[in-house]
Amino acid sequence: MAVDSITTRKAMVIGTLSYSRRDLEEKRDQNEMINVKVIGMLILTDDITPDLALETIKSLTVRGVFKAPDDVKQALEDRLH
């Protein structure tokens, strides 16, 4: 019997944090989800899809600017605190 496990990582930043599609694909491939807390700016690049964001981002707290494609922001709306 195989058991899949998901690891949750925390990213806490004062300043600018940027994730690309490749960054999130690596998280997904390693069965990791991230809790992101940023004071400053969070950037999710334009090549990130809503599905990829939902598969890899468990929660978001942004005190400042959140730049991401509109469809990604909408998909993550219930995970934004």
PDB file of N, CA and C in Angstrom:
ATOM      1  N   MET A   1       0.841  -1.168   0.000  1.00  0.00           N
ATOM      2  CA  MET A   1       0.000   0.000   0.000  1.00  0.00           C
ATOM      3  C   MET A   1       0.892   1.240   0.000  1.00  0.00           C
ATOM      4  N   ALA A   2       0.700   2.106  -0.963  1.00  0.00           N
ATOM      5  CA  ALA A   2       1.465   3.346  -1.057  1.00  0.00           C
ATOM      6  C   ALA A   2       0.655   4.485  -0.459  1.00  0.00           C
ATOM      7  N   VAL A   3       1.342   5.307   0.287  1.00  0.00           N
ATOM      8  CA  VAL A   3       0.698   6.471   0.888  1.00  0.00           C
ATOM      9  C   VAL A   3       1.393   7.708   0.350  1.00  0.00           C
ATOM     10  N   ASP A   4       0.616   8.570  -0.271  1.00  0.00           N
ATOM     11  CA  ASP A   4       1.159   9.835  -0.748  1.00  0.00           C
ATOM     12  C   ASP A   4       1.118  10.825   0.397  1.00  0.00           C
ATOM     13  N   SER A   5       2.176  11.570   0.559  1.00  0.00           N
ATOM     14  CA  SER A   5       2.182  12.586   1.602  1.00  0.00           C
ATOM     15  C   SER A   5       2.503  13.937   0.980  1.00  0.00           C
ATOM     16  N   ILE A   6       1.949  14.955   1.597  1.00  0.00           N
ATOM     17  CA  ILE A   6       2.189  16.313   1.151  1.00  0.00           C
ATOM     18  C   ILE A   6       2.858  17.056   2.296  1.00  0.00           C
ATOM     19  N   THR A   7       3.951  17.708   1.987  1.00  0.00           N
ATOM     20  CA  THR A   7       4.681  18.500   2.958  1.00  0.00           C
ATOM     21  C   THR A   7       4.297  19.956   2.781  1.00  0.00           C
ATOM     22  N   THR A   8       4.086  20.645   3.886  1.00  0.00           N
ATOM     23  CA  THR A   8       3.780  22.066   3.828  1.00  0.00           C
ATOM     24  C   THR A   8       4.996  22.853   4.276  1.00  0.00           C
ATOM     25  N   ARG A   9       5.393  23.817   3.463  1.00  0.00           N
ATOM     26  CA  ARG A   9       6.531  24.679   3.766  1.00  0.00           C
ATOM     27  C   ARG A   9       6.013  26.094   3.999  1.00  0.00           C
ATOM     28  N   LYS A  10       6.740  26.849   4.799  1.00  0.00           N
ATOM     29  CA  LYS A  10       6.389  28.240   5.067  1.00  0.00           C
ATOM     30  C   LYS A  10       7.402  29.146   4.398  1.00  0.00           C
ATOM     31  N   ALA A  11       6.898  30.207   3.787  1.00  0.00           N
ATOM     32  CA  ALA A  11       7.759  31.249   3.240  1.00  0.00           C
ATOM     33  C   ALA A  11       7.326  32.560   3.868  1.00  0.00           C
ATOM     34  N   MET A  12       8.205  33.150   4.687  1.00  0.00           N
ATOM     35  CA  MET A  12       7.903  34.412   5.344  1.00  0.00           C
ATOM     36  C   MET A  12       8.965  35.422   4.924  1.00  0.00           C
ATOM     37  N   VAL A  13       8.509  36.529   4.304  1.00  0.00           N
ATOM     38  CA  VAL A  13       9.448  37.467   3.705  1.00  0.00           C
ATOM     39  C   VAL A  13       9.041  38.897   4.015  1.00  0.00           C
ATOM     40  N   ILE A  14      10.030  39.724   4.304  1.00  0.00           N
ATOM     41  CA  ILE A  14       9.844  41.174   4.312  1.00  0.00           C
ATOM     42  C   ILE A  14      10.634  41.662   3.116  1.00  0.00           C
ATOM     43  N   GLY A  15       9.934  42.202   2.124  1.00  0.00           N
ATOM     44  CA  GLY A  15      10.573  42.616   0.878  1.00  0.00           C
ATOM     45  C   GLY A  15       9.777  42.086  -0.296  1.00  0.00           C
ATOM     46  N   THR A  16      10.462  41.487  -1.246  1.00  0.00           N
ATOM     47  CA  THR A  16       9.819  40.972  -2.454  1.00  0.00           C
ATOM     48  C   THR A  16      10.049  39.471  -2.569  1.00  0.00           C
ATOM     49  N   LEU A  17       8.961  38.756  -2.838  1.00  0.00           N
ATOM     50  CA  LEU A  17       9.028  37.316  -3.073  1.00  0.00           C
ATOM     51  C   LEU A  17       8.384  37.036  -4.407  1.00  0.00           C
ATOM     52  N   SER A  18       9.059  36.272  -5.237  1.00  0.00           N
ATOM     53  CA  SER A  18       8.548  35.960  -6.570  1.00  0.00           C
ATOM     54  C   SER A  18       8.588  34.457  -6.796  1.00  0.00           C
ATOM     55  N   TYR A  19       7.491  33.931  -7.334  1.00  0.00           N
ATOM     56  CA  TYR A  19       7.431  32.527  -7.737  1.00  0.00           C
ATOM     57  C   TYR A  19       7.136  32.456  -9.226  1.00  0.00           C
ATOM     58  N   SER A  20       7.870  31.605  -9.918  1.00  0.00           N
ATOM     59  CA  SER A  20       7.636  31.344 -11.342  1.00  0.00           C
ATOM     60  C   SER A  20       6.907  30.009 -11.490  1.00  0.00           C
ATOM     61  N   ARG A  21       6.482  29.735 -12.688  1.00  0.00           N
ATOM     62  CA  ARG A  21       5.846  28.445 -12.974  1.00  0.00           C
ATOM     63  C   ARG A  21       6.786  27.298 -12.601  1.00  0.00           C
ATOM     64  N   ARG A  22       8.034  27.454 -12.961  1.00  0.00           N
ATOM     65  CA  ARG A  22       9.023  26.403 -12.666  1.00  0.00           C
ATOM     66  C   ARG A  22       9.151  26.168 -11.157  1.00  0.00           C
ATOM     67  N   ASP A  23       9.172  27.256 -10.378  1.00  0.00           N
ATOM     68  CA  ASP A  23       9.251  27.124  -8.917  1.00  0.00           C
ATOM     69  C   ASP A  23       8.082  26.299  -8.381  1.00  0.00           C
ATOM     70  N   LEU A  24       6.876  26.630  -8.828  1.00  0.00           N
ATOM     71  CA  LEU A  24       5.695  25.932  -8.322  1.00  0.00           C
ATOM     72  C   LEU A  24       5.605  24.505  -8.852  1.00  0.00           C
ATOM     73  N   GLU A  25       6.069  24.277 -10.074  1.00  0.00           N
ATOM     74  CA  GLU A  25       6.097  22.902 -10.593  1.00  0.00           C
ATOM     75  C   GLU A  25       7.038  22.031  -9.764  1.00  0.00           C
ATOM     76  N   GLU A  26       8.159  22.593  -9.333  1.00  0.00           N
ATOM     77  CA  GLU A  26       9.084  21.851  -8.472  1.00  0.00           C
ATOM     78  C   GLU A  26       8.422  21.517  -7.140  1.00  0.00           C
ATOM     79  N   LYS A  27       7.680  22.471  -6.575  1.00  0.00           N
ATOM     80  CA  LYS A  27       6.954  22.219  -5.321  1.00  0.00           C
ATOM     81  C   LYS A  27       5.946  21.088  -5.522  1.00  0.00           C
ATOM     82  N   ARG A  28       5.193  21.157  -6.609  1.00  0.00           N
ATOM     83  CA  ARG A  28       4.195  20.126  -6.900  1.00  0.00           C
ATOM     84  C   ARG A  28       4.843  18.763  -7.077  1.00  0.00           C
ATOM     85  N   ASP A  29       5.944  18.712  -7.812  1.00  0.00           N
ATOM     86  CA  ASP A  29       6.629  17.446  -8.073  1.00  0.00           C
ATOM     87  C   ASP A  29       7.194  16.828  -6.792  1.00  0.00           C
ATOM     88  N   GLN A  30       7.471  17.666  -5.795  1.00  0.00           N
ATOM     89  CA  GLN A  30       7.994  17.195  -4.506  1.00  0.00           C
ATOM     90  C   GLN A  30       6.864  17.021  -3.481  1.00  0.00           C
ATOM     91  N   ASN A  31       5.610  17.103  -3.949  1.00  0.00           N
ATOM     92  CA  ASN A  31       4.439  16.996  -3.070  1.00  0.00           C
ATOM     93  C   ASN A  31       4.487  18.002  -1.921  1.00  0.00           C
ATOM     94  N   GLU A  32       4.867  19.235  -2.253  1.00  0.00           N
ATOM     95  CA  GLU A  32       4.930  20.298  -1.263  1.00  0.00           C
ATOM     96  C   GLU A  32       3.862  21.352  -1.550  1.00  0.00           C
ATOM     97  N   MET A  33       3.296  21.877  -0.476  1.00  0.00           N
ATOM     98  CA  MET A  33       2.432  23.050  -0.570  1.00  0.00           C
ATOM     99  C   MET A  33       3.094  24.136   0.266  1.00  0.00           C
ATOM    100  N   ILE A  34       2.816  25.390  -0.062  1.00  0.00           N
ATOM    101  CA  ILE A  34       3.452  26.481   0.663  1.00  0.00           C
ATOM    102  C   ILE A  34       2.417  27.387   1.327  1.00  0.00           C
ATOM    103  N   ASN A  35       2.776  27.857   2.510  1.00  0.00           N
ATOM    104  CA  ASN A  35       2.067  28.924   3.211  1.00  0.00           C
ATOM    105  C   ASN A  35       2.941  30.154   3.039  1.00  0.00           C
ATOM    106  N   VAL A  36       2.414  31.177   2.395  1.00  0.00           N
ATOM    107  CA  VAL A  36       3.206  32.362   2.070  1.00  0.00           C
ATOM    108  C   VAL A  36       2.742  33.544   2.910  1.00  0.00           C
ATOM    109  N   LYS A  37       3.708  34.197   3.575  1.00  0.00           N
ATOM    110  CA  LYS A  37       3.441  35.431   4.320  1.00  0.00           C
ATOM    111  C   LYS A  37       4.455  36.465   3.853  1.00  0.00           C
ATOM    112  N   VAL A  38       3.945  37.582   3.324  1.00  0.00           N
ATOM    113  CA  VAL A  38       4.821  38.602   2.767  1.00  0.00           C
ATOM    114  C   VAL A  38       4.409  39.979   3.282  1.00  0.00           C
ATOM    115  N   ILE A  39       5.392  40.735   3.719  1.00  0.00           N
ATOM    116  CA  ILE A  39       5.219  42.163   3.959  1.00  0.00           C
ATOM    117  C   ILE A  39       6.060  42.838   2.888  1.00  0.00           C
ATOM    118  N   GLY A  40       5.402  43.410   1.905  1.00  0.00           N
ATOM    119  CA  GLY A  40       6.099  44.005   0.772  1.00  0.00           C
ATOM    120  C   GLY A  40       5.382  43.661  -0.518  1.00  0.00           C
ATOM    121  N   MET A  41       5.992  42.794  -1.322  1.00  0.00           N
ATOM    122  CA  MET A  41       5.408  42.450  -2.621  1.00  0.00           C
ATOM    123  C   MET A  41       5.543  40.961  -2.907  1.00  0.00           C
ATOM    124  N   LEU A  42       4.431  40.359  -3.330  1.00  0.00           N
ATOM    125  CA  LEU A  42       4.424  38.974  -3.809  1.00  0.00           C
ATOM    126  C   LEU A  42       4.120  38.996  -5.292  1.00  0.00           C
ATOM    127  N   ILE A  43       4.956  38.318  -6.063  1.00  0.00           N
ATOM    128  CA  ILE A  43       4.763  38.234  -7.509  1.00  0.00           C
ATOM    129  C   ILE A  43       4.629  36.772  -7.902  1.00  0.00           C
ATOM    130  N   LEU A  44       3.506  36.445  -8.535  1.00  0.00           N
ATOM    131  CA  LEU A  44       3.330  35.152  -9.192  1.00  0.00           C
ATOM    132  C   LEU A  44       3.373  35.446 -10.684  1.00  0.00           C
ATOM    133  N   THR A  45       4.335  34.870 -11.381  1.00  0.00           N
ATOM    134  CA  THR A  45       4.571  35.239 -12.778  1.00  0.00           C
ATOM    135  C   THR A  45       3.401  34.865 -13.685  1.00  0.00           C
ATOM    136  N   ASP A  46       3.369  35.498 -14.839  1.00  0.00           N
ATOM    137  CA  ASP A  46       2.248  35.354 -15.774  1.00  0.00           C
ATOM    138  C   ASP A  46       2.074  33.945 -16.334  1.00  0.00           C
ATOM    139  N   ASP A  47       3.101  33.103 -16.220  1.00  0.00           N
ATOM    140  CA  ASP A  47       2.999  31.748 -16.769  1.00  0.00           C
ATOM    141  C   ASP A  47       2.392  30.740 -15.786  1.00  0.00           C
ATOM    142  N   ILE A  48       2.015  31.192 -14.596  1.00  0.00           N
ATOM    143  CA  ILE A  48       1.393  30.312 -13.605  1.00  0.00           C
ATOM    144  C   ILE A  48      -0.101  30.195 -13.901  1.00  0.00           C
ATOM    145  N   THR A  49      -0.590  28.959 -13.929  1.00  0.00           N
ATOM    146  CA  THR A  49      -2.012  28.725 -14.166  1.00  0.00           C
ATOM    147  C   THR A  49      -2.763  28.666 -12.839  1.00  0.00           C
ATOM    148  N   PRO A  50      -4.066  28.908 -12.870  1.00  0.00           N
ATOM    149  CA  PRO A  50      -4.851  28.787 -11.643  1.00  0.00           C
ATOM    150  C   PRO A  50      -4.731  27.401 -11.010  1.00  0.00           C
ATOM    151  N   ASP A  51      -4.760  26.356 -11.832  1.00  0.00           N
ATOM    152  CA  ASP A  51      -4.663  24.989 -11.310  1.00  0.00           C
ATOM    153  C   ASP A  51      -3.338  24.746 -10.592  1.00  0.00           C
ATOM    154  N   LEU A  52      -2.248  25.227 -11.184  1.00  0.00           N
ATOM    155  CA  LEU A  52      -0.939  25.051 -10.562  1.00  0.00           C
ATOM    156  C   LEU A  52      -0.875  25.810  -9.236  1.00  0.00           C
ATOM    157  N   ALA A  53      -1.412  27.002  -9.194  1.00  0.00           N
ATOM    158  CA  ALA A  53      -1.428  27.783  -7.955  1.00  0.00           C
ATOM    159  C   ALA A  53      -2.221  27.051  -6.870  1.00  0.00           C
ATOM    160  N   LEU A  54      -3.370  26.497  -7.231  1.00  0.00           N
ATOM    161  CA  LEU A  54      -4.196  25.790  -6.256  1.00  0.00           C
ATOM    162  C   LEU A  54      -3.535  24.503  -5.769  1.00  0.00           C
ATOM    163  N   GLU A  55      -2.760  23.862  -6.623  1.00  0.00           N
ATOM    164  CA  GLU A  55      -2.080  22.621  -6.250  1.00  0.00           C
ATOM    165  C   GLU A  55      -0.905  22.862  -5.310  1.00  0.00           C
ATOM    166  N   THR A  56      -0.384  24.100  -5.266  1.00  0.00           N
ATOM    167  CA  THR A  56       0.863  24.333  -4.545  1.00  0.00           C
ATOM    168  C   THR A  56       0.794  25.392  -3.448  1.00  0.00           C
ATOM    169  N   ILE A  57      -0.207  26.247  -3.466  1.00  0.00           N
ATOM    170  CA  ILE A  57      -0.295  27.321  -2.475  1.00  0.00           C
ATOM    171  C   ILE A  57      -1.438  27.033  -1.521  1.00  0.00           C
ATOM    172  N   LYS A  58      -1.088  26.779  -0.265  1.00  0.00           N
ATOM    173  CA  LYS A  58      -2.087  26.441   0.747  1.00  0.00           C
ATOM    174  C   LYS A  58      -2.738  27.691   1.326  1.00  0.00           C
ATOM    175  N   SER A  59      -1.931  28.728   1.586  1.00  0.00           N
ATOM    176  CA  SER A  59      -2.483  29.982   2.097  1.00  0.00           C
ATOM    177  C   SER A  59      -1.555  31.141   1.743  1.00  0.00           C
ATOM    178  N   LEU A  60      -2.153  32.338   1.703  1.00  0.00           N
ATOM    179  CA  LEU A  60      -1.417  33.560   1.379  1.00  0.00           C
ATOM    180  C   LEU A  60      -1.789  34.655   2.368  1.00  0.00           C
ATOM    181  N   THR A  61      -0.784  35.340   2.868  1.00  0.00           N
ATOM    182  CA  THR A  61      -0.995  36.566   3.620  1.00  0.00           C
ATOM    183  C   THR A  61      -0.062  37.595   3.001  1.00  0.00           C
ATOM    184  N   VAL A  62      -0.640  38.646   2.442  1.00  0.00           N
ATOM    185  CA  VAL A  62       0.162  39.679   1.789  1.00  0.00           C
ATOM    186  C   VAL A  62      -0.212  41.027   2.382  1.00  0.00           C
ATOM    187  N   ARG A  63       0.757  41.676   2.972  1.00  0.00           N
ATOM    188  CA  ARG A  63       0.590  43.039   3.469  1.00  0.00           C
ATOM    189  C   ARG A  63       1.411  43.915   2.534  1.00  0.00           C
ATOM    190  N   GLY A  64       0.756  44.370   1.483  1.00  0.00           N
ATOM    191  CA  GLY A  64       1.442  45.155   0.462  1.00  0.00           C
ATOM    192  C   GLY A  64       0.838  44.863  -0.888  1.00  0.00           C
ATOM    193  N   VAL A  65       1.693  44.607  -1.864  1.00  0.00           N
ATOM    194  CA  VAL A  65       1.279  44.435  -3.257  1.00  0.00           C
ATOM    195  C   VAL A  65       1.299  42.955  -3.630  1.00  0.00           C
ATOM    196  N   PHE A  66       0.217  42.516  -4.272  1.00  0.00           N
ATOM    197  CA  PHE A  66       0.112  41.146  -4.769  1.00  0.00           C
ATOM    198  C   PHE A  66      -0.073  41.212  -6.272  1.00  0.00           C
ATOM    199  N   LYS A  67       0.974  40.846  -7.027  1.00  0.00           N
ATOM    200  CA  LYS A  67       0.922  40.856  -8.485  1.00  0.00           C
ATOM    201  C   LYS A  67       0.832  39.423  -8.991  1.00  0.00           C
ATOM    202  N   ALA A  68      -0.217  39.161  -9.756  1.00  0.00           N
ATOM    203  CA  ALA A  68      -0.435  37.840 -10.353  1.00  0.00           C
ATOM    204  C   ALA A  68      -1.476  38.005 -11.443  1.00  0.00           C
ATOM    205  N   PRO A  69      -1.559  37.036 -12.356  1.00  0.00           N
ATOM    206  CA  PRO A  69      -2.626  37.084 -13.349  1.00  0.00           C
ATOM    207  C   PRO A  69      -3.993  37.107 -12.649  1.00  0.00           C
ATOM    208  N   ASP A  70      -4.941  37.803 -13.237  1.00  0.00           N
ATOM    209  CA  ASP A  70      -6.268  37.946 -12.630  1.00  0.00           C
ATOM    210  C   ASP A  70      -6.926  36.609 -12.328  1.00  0.00           C
ATOM    211  N   ASP A  71      -6.788  35.626 -13.250  1.00  0.00           N
ATOM    212  CA  ASP A  71      -7.432  34.332 -13.009  1.00  0.00           C
ATOM    213  C   ASP A  71      -6.781  33.575 -11.847  1.00  0.00           C
ATOM    214  N   VAL A  72      -5.487  33.794 -11.628  1.00  0.00           N
ATOM    215  CA  VAL A  72      -4.791  33.172 -10.502  1.00  0.00           C
ATOM    216  C   VAL A  72      -5.237  33.832  -9.198  1.00  0.00           C
ATOM    217  N   LYS A  73      -5.337  35.152  -9.190  1.00  0.00           N
ATOM    218  CA  LYS A  73      -5.824  35.858  -7.997  1.00  0.00           C
ATOM    219  C   LYS A  73      -7.229  35.382  -7.631  1.00  0.00           C
ATOM    220  N   GLN A  74      -8.066  35.239  -8.636  1.00  0.00           N
ATOM    221  CA  GLN A  74      -9.442  34.789  -8.391  1.00  0.00           C
ATOM    222  C   GLN A  74      -9.456  33.367  -7.829  1.00  0.00           C
ATOM    223  N   ALA A  75      -8.632  32.486  -8.374  1.00  0.00           N
ATOM    224  CA  ALA A  75      -8.576  31.101  -7.897  1.00  0.00           C
ATOM    225  C   ALA A  75      -8.110  31.022  -6.443  1.00  0.00           C
ATOM    226  N   LEU A  76      -7.205  31.923  -6.042  1.00  0.00           N
ATOM    227  CA  LEU A  76      -6.640  31.889  -4.700  1.00  0.00           C
ATOM    228  C   LEU A  76      -7.410  32.750  -3.693  1.00  0.00           C
ATOM    229  N   GLU A  77      -8.486  33.345  -4.123  1.00  0.00           N
ATOM    230  CA  GLU A  77      -9.234  34.292  -3.294  1.00  0.00           C
ATOM    231  C   GLU A  77      -9.586  33.726  -1.912  1.00  0.00           C
ATOM    232  N   ASP A  78     -10.018  32.474  -1.847  1.00  0.00           N
ATOM    233  CA  ASP A  78     -10.403  31.902  -0.555  1.00  0.00           C
ATOM    234  C   ASP A  78      -9.208  31.484   0.306  1.00  0.00           C
ATOM    235  N   ARG A  79      -7.993  31.563  -0.249  1.00  0.00           N
ATOM    236  CA  ARG A  79      -6.790  31.226   0.514  1.00  0.00           C
ATOM    237  C   ARG A  79      -6.015  32.469   0.939  1.00  0.00           C
ATOM    238  N   LEU A  80      -6.524  33.631   0.545  1.00  0.00           N
ATOM    239  CA  LEU A  80      -5.866  34.913   0.844  1.00  0.00           C
ATOM    240  C   LEU A  80      -6.390  35.438   2.173  1.00  0.00           C
ATOM    241  N   HIS A  81      -5.491  35.704   3.106  1.00  0.00           N
ATOM    242  CA  HIS A  81      -5.869  36.176   4.447  1.00  0.00           C
ATOM    243  C   HIS A  81      -5.357  37.567   4.670  1.00  0.00           C
TER     244      HIS A  81
END
